[in-house]
Amino acid sequence: MEKLDAKMADQFYSAILSLKTKEECRAFFDDICTIKELQDLMQRLQVASMLSKGMNYLEISKETSVSSATISRVNRCLNYGDGGYNTVLGRLENNE
């Protein structure tokens, strides 16, 4: 896998952290991503949430139309990744 340019990544993550409201976040991501890219990101988060609730691949695929390859990748990140999904899912759960 190709490595990210550290300086560009730092600028990008700092830009995201500078956003203060959902409206600012929506405007930024609408500008920076295509509709398909946004849909893909949103679906991955939805899949991560469903996996964390114990749903199986078939149930998730039926409900979301996401491929088993994508579900598998998200599952791998949930279990062996850097913890990003788990951090976000935990915070979302605490905010509900």
Protein backbone atom coordinates (compact mmCIF):
# COMPACT_ATOMS: atom_id res chain seq x y z
CA MET A 1 0.00 0.00 0.00
CA GLU A 2 1.23 3.47 -0.86
CA LYS A 3 2.29 5.65 2.07
CA LEU A 4 0.64 9.01 2.65
CA ASP A 5 2.74 12.16 2.40
CA ALA A 6 3.16 13.16 6.07
CA LYS A 7 2.96 16.91 5.50
CA MET A 8 -0.14 16.65 3.30
CA ALA A 9 -1.79 14.20 5.71
CA ASP A 10 -1.08 16.53 8.65
CA GLN A 11 -2.64 19.45 6.78
CA PHE A 12 -5.69 17.37 5.85
CA TYR A 13 -6.28 16.08 9.38
CA SER A 14 -5.76 19.58 10.79
CA ALA A 15 -8.33 20.89 8.31
CA ILE A 16 -10.86 18.32 9.52
CA LEU A 17 -10.14 19.13 13.16
CA SER A 18 -10.72 22.83 12.43
CA LEU A 19 -14.37 22.18 11.51
CA LYS A 20 -16.72 23.21 14.30
CA THR A 21 -20.23 22.20 13.22
CA LYS A 22 -21.96 19.48 11.25
CA GLU A 23 -22.80 22.11 8.65
CA GLU A 24 -19.12 23.06 8.23
CA CYS A 25 -18.22 19.38 8.05
CA ARG A 26 -20.91 18.70 5.45
CA ALA A 27 -19.79 21.68 3.33
CA PHE A 28 -16.13 20.63 3.48
CA PHE A 29 -16.77 17.01 2.56
CA ASP A 30 -19.25 18.00 -0.16
CA ASP A 31 -16.50 20.15 -1.67
CA ILE A 32 -13.62 17.71 -1.26
CA CYS A 33 -15.33 14.38 -2.09
CA THR A 34 -17.48 13.12 -4.91
CA ILE A 35 -20.93 11.81 -4.03
CA LYS A 36 -19.65 8.25 -4.59
CA GLU A 37 -16.67 8.81 -2.28
CA LEU A 38 -18.95 10.16 0.44
CA GLN A 39 -21.36 7.25 0.00
CA ASP A 40 -18.46 4.80 0.30
CA LEU A 41 -17.18 6.44 3.49
CA MET A 42 -20.65 6.54 5.01
CA GLN A 43 -21.30 2.90 4.10
CA ARG A 44 -18.03 1.80 5.70
CA LEU A 45 -18.97 3.51 8.94
CA GLN A 46 -22.43 1.91 8.79
CA VAL A 47 -20.83 -1.51 8.20
CA ALA A 48 -18.44 -0.97 11.12
CA SER A 49 -21.38 -0.12 13.36
CA MET A 50 -23.31 -3.20 12.25
CA LEU A 51 -20.29 -5.46 12.75
CA SER A 52 -19.70 -4.03 16.22
CA LYS A 53 -23.31 -4.92 17.07
CA GLY A 54 -22.68 -8.54 16.09
CA MET A 55 -24.39 -8.65 12.71
CA ASN A 56 -23.00 -11.18 10.24
CA TYR A 57 -21.77 -10.55 6.70
CA LEU A 58 -24.94 -11.83 5.04
CA GLU A 59 -27.22 -9.64 7.14
CA ILE A 60 -25.04 -6.60 6.49
CA SER A 61 -24.79 -7.27 2.77
CA LYS A 62 -28.57 -7.67 2.46
CA GLU A 63 -29.29 -4.48 4.39
CA THR A 64 -26.60 -2.27 2.82
CA SER A 65 -25.80 -3.86 -0.57
CA VAL A 66 -22.12 -3.60 0.37
CA SER A 67 -19.86 -6.31 -1.05
CA SER A 68 -18.45 -9.02 1.19
CA ALA A 69 -14.96 -7.74 0.27
CA THR A 70 -15.76 -4.32 1.73
CA ILE A 71 -17.35 -5.86 4.82
CA SER A 72 -14.26 -8.03 5.26
CA ARG A 73 -11.94 -5.02 4.93
CA VAL A 74 -13.93 -3.04 7.51
CA ASN A 75 -13.96 -6.07 9.83
CA ARG A 76 -10.18 -6.42 9.48
CA CYS A 77 -9.77 -2.73 10.38
CA LEU A 78 -12.10 -3.11 13.37
CA ASN A 79 -10.10 -6.05 14.68
CA TYR A 80 -6.53 -5.30 13.60
CA GLY A 81 -6.46 -1.64 12.55
CA ASP A 82 -5.37 1.47 14.40
CA GLY A 83 -8.60 1.77 16.42
CA GLY A 84 -10.17 4.61 14.47
CA TYR A 85 -13.50 2.90 13.92
CA ASN A 86 -13.69 1.84 17.56
CA THR A 87 -12.93 5.37 18.77
CA VAL A 88 -15.61 6.92 16.58
CA LEU A 89 -18.21 4.23 17.28
CA GLY A 90 -17.63 4.52 21.01
CA ARG A 91 -18.03 8.29 20.91
CA LEU A 92 -21.15 8.08 18.75
CA GLU A 93 -22.65 5.56 21.19
CA ASN A 94 -21.87 7.84 24.13
CA ASN A 95 -23.57 10.77 22.38
CA GLU A 96 -26.84 8.88 21.79
